[in-house]
Amino acid sequence: GVLVFDLLPGLVIAVVLSLVLFIAYSSRPRLAELGRVGTGRVWGDITL
């Protein structure tokens, strides 16, 4: 974006990309399934 459109348009592209990344990451949260760890009252992510 910087090389083709010059610095200021490249900066706009960079900022927009940052916001898109933030929105994309925030809009796709992981849903973890929890299980009881050991015999206690601690529950944790079954994949971890």
All heavy atoms as atom14 arrays in JSON, in Angstrom:
{
  "sequence": "GVLVFDLLPGLVIAVVLSLVLFIAYSSRPRLAELGRVGTGRVWGDITL",
  "atom14_mask": [
    [1, 1, 1, 1, 0, 0, 0, 0, 0, 0, 0, 0, 0, 0],
    [1, 1, 1, 1, 1, 1, 1, 0, 0, 0, 0, 0, 0, 0],
    [1, 1, 1, 1, 1, 1, 1, 1, 0, 0, 0, 0, 0, 0],
    [1, 1, 1, 1, 1, 1, 1, 0, 0, 0, 0, 0, 0, 0],
    [1, 1, 1, 1, 1, 1, 1, 1, 1, 1, 1, 0, 0, 0],
    [1, 1, 1, 1, 1, 1, 1, 1, 0, 0, 0, 0, 0, 0],
    [1, 1, 1, 1, 1, 1, 1, 1, 0, 0, 0, 0, 0, 0],
    [1, 1, 1, 1, 1, 1, 1, 1, 0, 0, 0, 0, 0, 0],
    [1, 1, 1, 1, 1, 1, 1, 0, 0, 0, 0, 0, 0, 0],
    [1, 1, 1, 1, 0, 0, 0, 0, 0, 0, 0, 0, 0, 0],
    [1, 1, 1, 1, 1, 1, 1, 1, 0, 0, 0, 0, 0, 0],
    [1, 1, 1, 1, 1, 1, 1, 0, 0, 0, 0, 0, 0, 0],
    [1, 1, 1, 1, 1, 1, 1, 1, 0, 0, 0, 0, 0, 0],
    [1, 1, 1, 1, 1, 0, 0, 0, 0, 0, 0, 0, 0, 0],
    [1, 1, 1, 1, 1, 1, 1, 0, 0, 0, 0, 0, 0, 0],
    [1, 1, 1, 1, 1, 1, 1, 0, 0, 0, 0, 0, 0, 0],
    [1, 1, 1, 1, 1, 1, 1, 1, 0, 0, 0, 0, 0, 0],
    [1, 1, 1, 1, 1, 1, 0, 0, 0, 0, 0, 0, 0, 0],
    [1, 1, 1, 1, 1, 1, 1, 1, 0, 0, 0, 0, 0, 0],
    [1, 1, 1, 1, 1, 1, 1, 0, 0, 0, 0, 0, 0, 0],
    [1, 1, 1, 1, 1, 1, 1, 1, 0, 0, 0, 0, 0, 0],
    [1, 1, 1, 1, 1, 1, 1, 1, 1, 1, 1, 0, 0, 0],
    [1, 1, 1, 1, 1, 1, 1, 1, 0, 0, 0, 0, 0, 0],
    [1, 1, 1, 1, 1, 0, 0, 0, 0, 0, 0, 0, 0, 0],
    [1, 1, 1, 1, 1, 1, 1, 1, 1, 1, 1, 1, 0, 0],
    [1, 1, 1, 1, 1, 1, 0, 0, 0, 0, 0, 0, 0, 0],
    [1, 1, 1, 1, 1, 1, 0, 0, 0, 0, 0, 0, 0, 0],
    [1, 1, 1, 1, 1, 1, 1, 1, 1, 1, 1, 0, 0, 0],
    [1, 1, 1, 1, 1, 1, 1, 0, 0, 0, 0, 0, 0, 0],
    [1, 1, 1, 1, 1, 1, 1, 1, 1, 1, 1, 0, 0, 0],
    [1, 1, 1, 1, 1, 1, 1, 1, 0, 0, 0, 0, 0, 0],
    [1, 1, 1, 1, 1, 0, 0, 0, 0, 0, 0, 0, 0, 0],
    [1, 1, 1, 1, 1, 1, 1, 1, 1, 0, 0, 0, 0, 0],
    [1, 1, 1, 1, 1, 1, 1, 1, 0, 0, 0, 0, 0, 0],
    [1, 1, 1, 1, 0, 0, 0, 0, 0, 0, 0, 0, 0, 0],
    [1, 1, 1, 1, 1, 1, 1, 1, 1, 1, 1, 0, 0, 0],
    [1, 1, 1, 1, 1, 1, 1, 0, 0, 0, 0, 0, 0, 0],
    [1, 1, 1, 1, 0, 0, 0, 0, 0, 0, 0, 0, 0, 0],
    [1, 1, 1, 1, 1, 1, 1, 0, 0, 0, 0, 0, 0, 0],
    [1, 1, 1, 1, 0, 0, 0, 0, 0, 0, 0, 0, 0, 0],
    [1, 1, 1, 1, 1, 1, 1, 1, 1, 1, 1, 0, 0, 0],
    [1, 1, 1, 1, 1, 1, 1, 0, 0, 0, 0, 0, 0, 0],
    [1, 1, 1, 1, 1, 1, 1, 1, 1, 1, 1, 1, 1, 1],
    [1, 1, 1, 1, 0, 0, 0, 0, 0, 0, 0, 0, 0, 0],
    [1, 1, 1, 1, 1, 1, 1, 1, 0, 0, 0, 0, 0, 0],
    [1, 1, 1, 1, 1, 1, 1, 1, 0, 0, 0, 0, 0, 0],
    [1, 1, 1, 1, 1, 1, 1, 0, 0, 0, 0, 0, 0, 0],
    [1, 1, 1, 1, 1, 1, 1, 1, 0, 0, 0, 0, 0, 0]
  ],
  "atom14_positions": [
    [[0.82, -1.21, 0.0], [0.0, 0.0, 0.0], [0.85, 1.25, 0.0], [0.56, 2.22, -0.71], [0.0, 0.0, 0.0], [0.0, 0.0, 0.0], [0.0, 0.0, 0.0], [0.0, 0.0, 0.0], [0.0, 0.0, 0.0], [0.0, 0.0, 0.0], [0.0, 0.0, 0.0], [0.0, 0.0, 0.0], [0.0, 0.0, 0.0], [0.0, 0.0, 0.0]],
    [[1.94, 1.24, 0.78], [2.85, 2.38, 0.82], [3.59, 2.52, -0.5], [3.74, 3.63, -1.04], [3.84, 2.22, 1.98], [4.93, 3.29, 1.91], [3.11, 2.31, 3.32], [0.0, 0.0, 0.0], [0.0, 0.0, 0.0], [0.0, 0.0, 0.0], [0.0, 0.0, 0.0], [0.0, 0.0, 0.0], [0.0, 0.0, 0.0], [0.0, 0.0, 0.0]],
    [[4.08, 1.41, -1.05], [4.87, 1.46, -2.28], [4.04, 1.89, -3.49], [4.52, 2.62, -4.35], [5.51, 0.11, -2.54], [6.52, -0.41, -1.5], [7.13, -1.72, -1.97], [7.61, 0.63, -1.24], [0.0, 0.0, 0.0], [0.0, 0.0, 0.0], [0.0, 0.0, 0.0], [0.0, 0.0, 0.0], [0.0, 0.0, 0.0], [0.0, 0.0, 0.0]],
    [[2.8, 1.45, -3.53], [1.97, 1.72, -4.71], [1.21, 3.04, -4.6], [1.11, 3.8, -5.56], [0.98, 0.55, -4.94], [0.02, 0.89, -6.09], [1.74, -0.74, -5.24], [0.0, 0.0, 0.0], [0.0, 0.0, 0.0], [0.0, 0.0, 0.0], [0.0, 0.0, 0.0], [0.0, 0.0, 0.0], [0.0, 0.0, 0.0], [0.0, 0.0, 0.0]],
    [[0.69, 3.33, -3.39], [-0.18, 4.5, -3.24], [0.49, 5.66, -2.51], [-0.14, 6.68, -2.27], [-1.45, 4.1, -2.5], [-2.25, 3.05, -3.2], [-2.3, 1.76, -2.7], [-2.92, 3.33, -4.37], [-3.03, 0.77, -3.34], [-3.65, 2.36, -5.03], [-3.71, 1.07, -4.51], [0.0, 0.0, 0.0], [0.0, 0.0, 0.0], [0.0, 0.0, 0.0]],
    [[1.72, 5.5, -2.1], [2.47, 6.51, -1.35], [2.12, 6.44, 0.14], [1.28, 5.67, 0.56], [2.26, 7.92, -1.9], [3.48, 8.82, -1.68], [4.45, 8.36, -1.05], [3.47, 9.96, -2.14], [0.0, 0.0, 0.0], [0.0, 0.0, 0.0], [0.0, 0.0, 0.0], [0.0, 0.0, 0.0], [0.0, 0.0, 0.0], [0.0, 0.0, 0.0]],
    [[2.78, 7.3, 0.93], [2.76, 7.12, 2.38], [1.4, 7.37, 3.03], [0.94, 6.55, 3.82], [3.8, 8.04, 3.01], [5.24, 7.56, 2.82], [6.21, 8.66, 3.18], [5.51, 6.34, 3.66], [0.0, 0.0, 0.0], [0.0, 0.0, 0.0], [0.0, 0.0, 0.0], [0.0, 0.0, 0.0], [0.0, 0.0, 0.0], [0.0, 0.0, 0.0]],
    [[0.77, 8.5, 2.73], [-0.49, 8.79, 3.42], [-1.6, 7.8, 3.07], [-2.27, 7.28, 3.96], [-0.92, 10.22, 3.14], [-0.13, 11.27, 3.93], [-0.56, 12.67, 3.53], [-0.32, 11.07, 5.43], [0.0, 0.0, 0.0], [0.0, 0.0, 0.0], [0.0, 0.0, 0.0], [0.0, 0.0, 0.0], [0.0, 0.0, 0.0], [0.0, 0.0, 0.0]],
    [[-1.81, 7.49, 1.8], [-2.78, 6.42, 1.51], [-2.37, 5.09, 2.13], [-3.21, 4.33, 2.6], [-2.78, 6.35, -0.03], [-2.32, 7.69, -0.47], [-1.32, 8.11, 0.56], [0.0, 0.0, 0.0], [0.0, 0.0, 0.0], [0.0, 0.0, 0.0], [0.0, 0.0, 0.0], [0.0, 0.0, 0.0], [0.0, 0.0, 0.0], [0.0, 0.0, 0.0]],
    [[-1.04, 4.83, 2.12], [-0.56, 3.6, 2.76], [-0.85, 3.59, 4.24], [-1.18, 2.54, 4.82], [0.0, 0.0, 0.0], [0.0, 0.0, 0.0], [0.0, 0.0, 0.0], [0.0, 0.0, 0.0], [0.0, 0.0, 0.0], [0.0, 0.0, 0.0], [0.0, 0.0, 0.0], [0.0, 0.0, 0.0], [0.0, 0.0, 0.0], [0.0, 0.0, 0.0]],
    [[-0.73, 4.76, 4.88], [-1.04, 4.85, 6.3], [-2.53, 4.59, 6.55], [-2.9, 3.89, 7.5], [-0.66, 6.23, 6.83], [-0.99, 6.5, 8.31], [-0.26, 5.52, 9.2], [-0.62, 7.93, 8.68], [0.0, 0.0, 0.0], [0.0, 0.0, 0.0], [0.0, 0.0, 0.0], [0.0, 0.0, 0.0], [0.0, 0.0, 0.0], [0.0, 0.0, 0.0]],
    [[-3.38, 5.13, 5.69], [-4.82, 4.87, 5.83], [-5.1, 3.38, 5.7], [-5.89, 2.81, 6.48], [-5.6, 5.67, 4.77], [-7.08, 5.27, 4.77], [-5.46, 7.17, 5.02], [0.0, 0.0, 0.0], [0.0, 0.0, 0.0], [0.0, 0.0, 0.0], [0.0, 0.0, 0.0], [0.0, 0.0, 0.0], [0.0, 0.0, 0.0], [0.0, 0.0, 0.0]],
    [[-4.46, 2.75, 4.72], [-4.64, 1.31, 4.55], [-4.19, 0.58, 5.81], [-4.86, -0.36, 6.28], [-3.84, 0.82, 3.33], [-4.47, 1.34, 2.03], [-3.77, -0.72, 3.3], [-3.65, 1.06, 0.79], [0.0, 0.0, 0.0], [0.0, 0.0, 0.0], [0.0, 0.0, 0.0], [0.0, 0.0, 0.0], [0.0, 0.0, 0.0], [0.0, 0.0, 0.0]],
    [[-3.06, 1.01, 6.4], [-2.54, 0.36, 7.61], [-3.52, 0.5, 8.77], [-3.79, -0.46, 9.49], [-1.19, 0.97, 7.98], [0.0, 0.0, 0.0], [0.0, 0.0, 0.0], [0.0, 0.0, 0.0], [0.0, 0.0, 0.0], [0.0, 0.0, 0.0], [0.0, 0.0, 0.0], [0.0, 0.0, 0.0], [0.0, 0.0, 0.0], [0.0, 0.0, 0.0]],
    [[-4.08, 1.7, 8.95], [-5.03, 1.93, 10.05], [-6.3, 1.11, 9.83], [-6.81, 0.48, 10.76], [-5.36, 3.43, 10.17], [-6.47, 3.65, 11.18], [-4.11, 4.2, 10.6], [0.0, 0.0, 0.0], [0.0, 0.0, 0.0], [0.0, 0.0, 0.0], [0.0, 0.0, 0.0], [0.0, 0.0, 0.0], [0.0, 0.0, 0.0], [0.0, 0.0, 0.0]],
    [[-6.83, 1.12, 8.6], [-8.03, 0.36, 8.31], [-7.79, -1.13, 8.55], [-8.64, -1.83, 9.12], [-8.51, 0.61, 6.86], [-9.62, -0.35, 6.47], [-8.99, 2.04, 6.71], [0.0, 0.0, 0.0], [0.0, 0.0, 0.0], [0.0, 0.0, 0.0], [0.0, 0.0, 0.0], [0.0, 0.0, 0.0], [0.0, 0.0, 0.0], [0.0, 0.0, 0.0]],
    [[-6.63, -1.62, 8.13], [-6.3, -3.03, 8.37], [-6.26, -3.34, 9.86], [-6.72, -4.4, 10.3], [-4.94, -3.36, 7.74], [-4.96, -3.81, 6.28], [-3.54, -3.99, 5.77], [-5.73, -5.11, 6.13], [0.0, 0.0, 0.0], [0.0, 0.0, 0.0], [0.0, 0.0, 0.0], [0.0, 0.0, 0.0], [0.0, 0.0, 0.0], [0.0, 0.0, 0.0]],
    [[-5.7, -2.44, 10.65], [-5.65, -2.65, 12.1], [-7.05, -2.77, 12.67], [-7.32, -3.64, 13.49], [-4.91, -1.49, 12.77], [-3.55, -1.47, 12.38], [0.0, 0.0, 0.0], [0.0, 0.0, 0.0], [0.0, 0.0, 0.0], [0.0, 0.0, 0.0], [0.0, 0.0, 0.0], [0.0, 0.0, 0.0], [0.0, 0.0, 0.0], [0.0, 0.0, 0.0]],
    [[-7.94, -1.88, 12.24], [-9.32, -1.93, 12.74], [-10.03, -3.18, 12.27], [-10.79, -3.8, 13.03], [-10.07, -0.68, 12.27], [-9.59, 0.64, 12.87], [-10.34, 1.82, 12.25], [-9.76, 0.65, 14.38], [0.0, 0.0, 0.0], [0.0, 0.0, 0.0], [0.0, 0.0, 0.0], [0.0, 0.0, 0.0], [0.0, 0.0, 0.0], [0.0, 0.0, 0.0]],
    [[-9.8, -3.58, 11.02], [-10.42, -4.8, 10.51], [-9.95, -6.01, 11.31], [-10.75, -6.9, 11.67], [-10.1, -4.98, 9.01], [-10.5, -6.37, 8.54], [-10.83, -3.93, 8.19], [0.0, 0.0, 0.0], [0.0, 0.0, 0.0], [0.0, 0.0, 0.0], [0.0, 0.0, 0.0], [0.0, 0.0, 0.0], [0.0, 0.0, 0.0], [0.0, 0.0, 0.0]],
    [[-8.65, -6.06, 11.6], [-8.12, -7.16, 12.4], [-8.77, -7.2, 13.78], [-9.14, -8.26, 14.29], [-6.6, -7.01, 12.56], [-5.74, -7.42, 11.38], [-4.28, -7.11, 11.68], [-5.9, -8.9, 11.08], [0.0, 0.0, 0.0], [0.0, 0.0, 0.0], [0.0, 0.0, 0.0], [0.0, 0.0, 0.0], [0.0, 0.0, 0.0], [0.0, 0.0, 0.0]],
    [[-8.88, -6.02, 14.41], [-9.49, -5.95, 15.74], [-10.94, -6.43, 15.7], [-11.38, -7.23, 16.53], [-9.41, -4.53, 16.27], [-10.2, -4.3, 17.52], [-9.75, -4.8, 18.74], [-11.39, -3.6, 17.49], [-10.48, -4.6, 19.9], [-12.13, -3.39, 18.64], [-11.67, -3.9, 19.85], [0.0, 0.0, 0.0], [0.0, 0.0, 0.0], [0.0, 0.0, 0.0]],
    [[-11.71, -5.94, 14.71], [-13.11, -6.31, 14.61], [-13.25, -7.81, 14.32], [-14.09, -8.5, 14.91], [-13.81, -5.47, 13.53], [-13.85, -4.01, 13.95], [-15.22, -5.99, 13.25], [-14.3, -3.06, 12.86], [0.0, 0.0, 0.0], [0.0, 0.0, 0.0], [0.0, 0.0, 0.0], [0.0, 0.0, 0.0], [0.0, 0.0, 0.0], [0.0, 0.0, 0.0]],
    [[-12.4, -8.3, 13.4], [-12.47, -9.72, 13.05], [-12.14, -10.6, 14.25], [-12.8, -11.61, 14.5], [-11.51, -10.02, 11.89], [0.0, 0.0, 0.0], [0.0, 0.0, 0.0], [0.0, 0.0, 0.0], [0.0, 0.0, 0.0], [0.0, 0.0, 0.0], [0.0, 0.0, 0.0], [0.0, 0.0, 0.0], [0.0, 0.0, 0.0], [0.0, 0.0, 0.0]],
    [[-11.11, -10.21, 15.0], [-10.72, -11.0, 16.17], [-11.82, -10.95, 17.24], [-12.17, -11.97, 17.84], [-9.41, -10.46, 16.74], [-8.95, -11.18, 17.99], [-8.3, -12.41, 17.89], [-9.17, -10.64, 19.25], [-7.88, -13.08, 19.02], [-8.76, -11.31, 20.39], [-8.11, -12.52, 20.28], [-7.7, -13.19, 21.4], [0.0, 0.0, 0.0], [0.0, 0.0, 0.0]],
    [[-12.38, -9.76, 17.47], [-13.4, -9.61, 18.51], [-14.7, -10.3, 18.14], [-15.44, -10.74, 19.02], [-13.67, -8.12, 18.77], [-12.51, -7.46, 19.2], [0.0, 0.0, 0.0], [0.0, 0.0, 0.0], [0.0, 0.0, 0.0], [0.0, 0.0, 0.0], [0.0, 0.0, 0.0], [0.0, 0.0, 0.0], [0.0, 0.0, 0.0], [0.0, 0.0, 0.0]],
    [[-14.99, -10.38, 16.86], [-16.26, -10.95, 16.43], [-16.23, -12.47, 16.33], [-17.27, -13.09, 16.08], [-16.68, -10.36, 15.08], [-15.75, -10.75, 14.07], [0.0, 0.0, 0.0], [0.0, 0.0, 0.0], [0.0, 0.0, 0.0], [0.0, 0.0, 0.0], [0.0, 0.0, 0.0], [0.0, 0.0, 0.0], [0.0, 0.0, 0.0], [0.0, 0.0, 0.0]],
    [[-15.07, -13.09, 16.51], [-14.96, -14.55, 16.42], [-14.34, -15.11, 17.7], [-13.28, -15.71, 17.67], [-14.13, -14.94, 15.21], [-14.68, -14.48, 13.88], [-13.77, -14.87, 12.73], [-13.69, -16.29, 12.58], [-14.51, -17.03, 11.84], [-15.51, -16.44, 11.2], [-14.36, -18.33, 11.74], [0.0, 0.0, 0.0], [0.0, 0.0, 0.0], [0.0, 0.0, 0.0]],
    [[-15.01, -14.93, 18.84], [-14.44, -15.45, 20.09], [-14.48, -16.98, 20.13], [-15.39, -17.6, 19.59], [-15.35, -14.85, 21.16], [-16.66, -14.66, 20.47], [-16.33, -14.3, 19.05], [0.0, 0.0, 0.0], [0.0, 0.0, 0.0], [0.0, 0.0, 0.0], [0.0, 0.0, 0.0], [0.0, 0.0, 0.0], [0.0, 0.0, 0.0], [0.0, 0.0, 0.0]],
    [[-13.5, -17.53, 20.78], [-13.46, -18.98, 20.94], [-14.41, -19.39, 22.07], [-14.48, -18.74, 23.1], [-12.03, -19.42, 21.27], [-11.87, -20.91, 21.48], [-10.41, -21.26, 21.67], [-10.24, -22.66, 21.97], [-10.27, -23.18, 23.19], [-10.45, -22.38, 24.23], [-10.12, -24.47, 23.39], [0.0, 0.0, 0.0], [0.0, 0.0, 0.0], [0.0, 0.0, 0.0]],
    [[-15.13, -20.45, 21.85], [-16.02, -20.99, 22.89], [-15.38, -22.24, 23.45], [-15.31, -23.28, 22.78], [-17.4, -21.3, 22.28], [-18.49, -21.69, 23.28], [-18.83, -20.5, 24.19], [-19.74, -22.17, 22.55], [0.0, 0.0, 0.0], [0.0, 0.0, 0.0], [0.0, 0.0, 0.0], [0.0, 0.0, 0.0], [0.0, 0.0, 0.0], [0.0, 0.0, 0.0]],
    [[-14.9, -22.16, 24.68], [-14.19, -23.27, 25.31], [-15.16, -24.16, 26.07], [-16.06, -23.66, 26.77], [-13.12, -22.75, 26.26], [0.0, 0.0, 0.0], [0.0, 0.0, 0.0], [0.0, 0.0, 0.0], [0.0, 0.0, 0.0], [0.0, 0.0, 0.0], [0.0, 0.0, 0.0], [0.0, 0.0, 0.0], [0.0, 0.0, 0.0], [0.0, 0.0, 0.0]],
    [[-14.99, -25.46, 25.95], [-15.76, -26.4, 26.76], [-14.93, -26.76, 27.99], [-13.75, -27.09, 27.88], [-16.1, -27.66, 25.98], [-16.94, -28.64, 26.77], [-17.37, -29.86, 25.97], [-17.1, -29.88, 24.74], [-17.95, -30.8, 26.56], [0.0, 0.0, 0.0], [0.0, 0.0, 0.0], [0.0, 0.0, 0.0], [0.0, 0.0, 0.0], [0.0, 0.0, 0.0]],
    [[-15.56, -26.69, 29.16], [-14.85, -26.9, 30.41], [-15.18, -28.27, 30.99], [-16.28, -28.8, 30.83], [-15.21, -25.82, 31.44], [-15.07, -24.37, 30.99], [-15.36, -23.43, 32.17], [-13.68, -24.09, 30.43], [0.0, 0.0, 0.0], [0.0, 0.0, 0.0], [0.0, 0.0, 0.0], [0.0, 0.0, 0.0], [0.0, 0.0, 0.0], [0.0, 0.0, 0.0]],
    [[-14.16, -28.81, 31.68], [-14.34, -30.08, 32.39], [-13.74, -29.98, 33.77], [-12.91, -29.11, 34.04], [0.0, 0.0, 0.0], [0.0, 0.0, 0.0], [0.0, 0.0, 0.0], [0.0, 0.0, 0.0], [0.0, 0.0, 0.0], [0.0, 0.0, 0.0], [0.0, 0.0, 0.0], [0.0, 0.0, 0.0], [0.0, 0.0, 0.0], [0.0, 0.0, 0.0]],
    [[-14.16, -30.89, 34.67], [-13.63, -30.87, 36.03], [-12.23, -31.46, 36.03], [-12.0, -32.57, 35.55], [-14.56, -31.66, 36.96], [-14.18, -31.54, 38.42], [-15.26, -32.05, 39.33], [-15.57, -33.46, 39.07], [-16.52, -34.12, 39.72], [-17.28, -33.5, 40.6], [-16.73, -35.4, 39.43], [0.0, 0.0, 0.0], [0.0, 0.0, 0.0], [0.0, 0.0, 0.0]],
    [[-11.29, -30.67, 36.57], [-9.9, -31.07, 36.6], [-9.64, -31.82, 37.91], [-9.84, -31.27, 39.01], [-8.95, -29.86, 36.5], [-7.5, -30.3, 36.57], [-9.22, -29.1, 35.2], [0.0, 0.0, 0.0], [0.0, 0.0, 0.0], [0.0, 0.0, 0.0], [0.0, 0.0, 0.0], [0.0, 0.0, 0.0], [0.0, 0.0, 0.0], [0.0, 0.0, 0.0]],
    [[-9.19, -33.07, 37.79], [-8.92, -33.86, 38.98], [-10.2, -34.17, 39.74], [-11.26, -34.38, 39.16], [0.0, 0.0, 0.0], [0.0, 0.0, 0.0], [0.0, 0.0, 0.0], [0.0, 0.0, 0.0], [0.0, 0.0, 0.0], [0.0, 0.0, 0.0], [0.0, 0.0, 0.0], [0.0, 0.0, 0.0], [0.0, 0.0, 0.0], [0.0, 0.0, 0.0]],
    [[-10.09, -34.16, 41.06], [-11.26, -34.44, 41.9], [-11.74, -33.2, 42.64], [-12.66, -33.27, 43.44], [-10.9, -35.52, 42.95], [-9.8, -35.05, 43.73], [-10.52, -36.82, 42.27], [0.0, 0.0, 0.0], [0.0, 0.0, 0.0], [0.0, 0.0, 0.0], [0.0, 0.0, 0.0], [0.0, 0.0, 0.0], [0.0, 0.0, 0.0], [0.0, 0.0, 0.0]],
    [[-11.12, -32.06, 42.37], [-11.48, -30.83, 43.07], [-12.58, -30.07, 42.37], [-13.3, -30.6, 41.52], [0.0, 0.0, 0.0], [0.0, 0.0, 0.0], [0.0, 0.0, 0.0], [0.0, 0.0, 0.0], [0.0, 0.0, 0.0], [0.0, 0.0, 0.0], [0.0, 0.0, 0.0], [0.0, 0.0, 0.0], [0.0, 0.0, 0.0], [0.0, 0.0, 0.0]],
    [[-12.7, -28.79, 42.77], [-13.76, -27.96, 42.23], [-13.25, -27.07, 41.1], [-13.94, -26.13, 40.69], [-14.34, -27.09, 43.34], [-15.08, -27.89, 44.4], [-15.6, -26.97, 45.5], [-16.37, -27.73, 46.46], [-16.88, -27.21, 47.57], [-16.69, -25.92, 47.84], [-17.57, -27.95, 48.41], [0.0, 0.0, 0.0], [0.0, 0.0, 0.0], [0.0, 0.0, 0.0]],
    [[-12.07, -27.33, 40.6], [-11.5, -26.53, 39.52], [-11.98, -27.07, 38.18], [-11.91, -28.28, 37.93], [-9.96, -26.54, 39.57], [-9.38, -25.77, 38.4], [-9.48, -25.95, 40.89], [0.0, 0.0, 0.0], [0.0, 0.0, 0.0], [0.0, 0.0, 0.0], [0.0, 0.0, 0.0], [0.0, 0.0, 0.0], [0.0, 0.0, 0.0], [0.0, 0.0, 0.0]],
    [[-12.45, -26.17, 37.34], [-12.89, -26.53, 36.01], [-12.0, -25.82, 35.0], [-11.7, -24.64, 35.15], [-14.36, -26.14, 35.79], [-15.3, -27.0, 36.59], [-15.44, -27.04, 37.93], [-16.21, -27.95, 36.05], [-16.37, -27.95, 38.3], [-16.89, -28.54, 37.16], [-16.55, -28.37, 34.77], [-17.85, -29.51, 37.01], [-17.52, -29.33, 34.61], [-18.17, -29.91, 35.72]],
    [[-11.57, -26.54, 33.96], [-10.67, -25.96, 32.98], [-11.0, -26.39, 31.57], [-11.79, -27.32, 31.34], [0.0, 0.0, 0.0], [0.0, 0.0, 0.0], [0.0, 0.0, 0.0], [0.0, 0.0, 0.0], [0.0, 0.0, 0.0], [0.0, 0.0, 0.0], [0.0, 0.0, 0.0], [0.0, 0.0, 0.0], [0.0, 0.0, 0.0], [0.0, 0.0, 0.0]],
    [[-10.41, -25.72, 30.61], [-10.6, -25.99, 29.19], [-10.14, -27.42, 28.89], [-9.0, -27.8, 29.17], [-9.78, -24.98, 28.39], [-10.07, -25.04, 26.9], [-10.53, -26.07, 26.41], [-9.82, -24.02, 26.23], [0.0, 0.0, 0.0], [0.0, 0.0, 0.0], [0.0, 0.0, 0.0], [0.0, 0.0, 0.0], [0.0, 0.0, 0.0], [0.0, 0.0, 0.0]],
    [[-11.0, -28.22, 28.3], [-10.66, -29.63, 28.07], [-9.56, -29.79, 27.03], [-8.9, -30.83, 26.97], [-11.91, -30.44, 27.64], [-12.48, -29.9, 26.32], [-12.96, -30.43, 28.74], [-13.62, -30.75, 25.77], [0.0, 0.0, 0.0], [0.0, 0.0, 0.0], [0.0, 0.0, 0.0], [0.0, 0.0, 0.0], [0.0, 0.0, 0.0], [0.0, 0.0, 0.0]],
    [[-9.34, -28.76, 26.19], [-8.26, -28.85, 25.2], [-6.9, -28.51, 25.81], [-5.87, -28.79, 25.21], [-8.53, -27.91, 24.01], [-8.55, -26.56, 24.48], [-9.85, -28.24, 23.34], [0.0, 0.0, 0.0], [0.0, 0.0, 0.0], [0.0, 0.0, 0.0], [0.0, 0.0, 0.0], [0.0, 0.0, 0.0], [0.0, 0.0, 0.0], [0.0, 0.0, 0.0]],
    [[-6.91, -27.9, 27.0], [-5.67, -27.51, 27.66], [-5.3, -28.41, 28.83], [-4.16, -28.42, 29.28], [-5.75, -26.06, 28.15], [-6.04, -24.99, 27.08], [-6.15, -23.62, 27.73], [-4.95, -25.0, 26.02], [0.0, 0.0, 0.0], [0.0, 0.0, 0.0], [0.0, 0.0, 0.0], [0.0, 0.0, 0.0], [0.0, 0.0, 0.0], [0.0, 0.0, 0.0]]
  ]
}
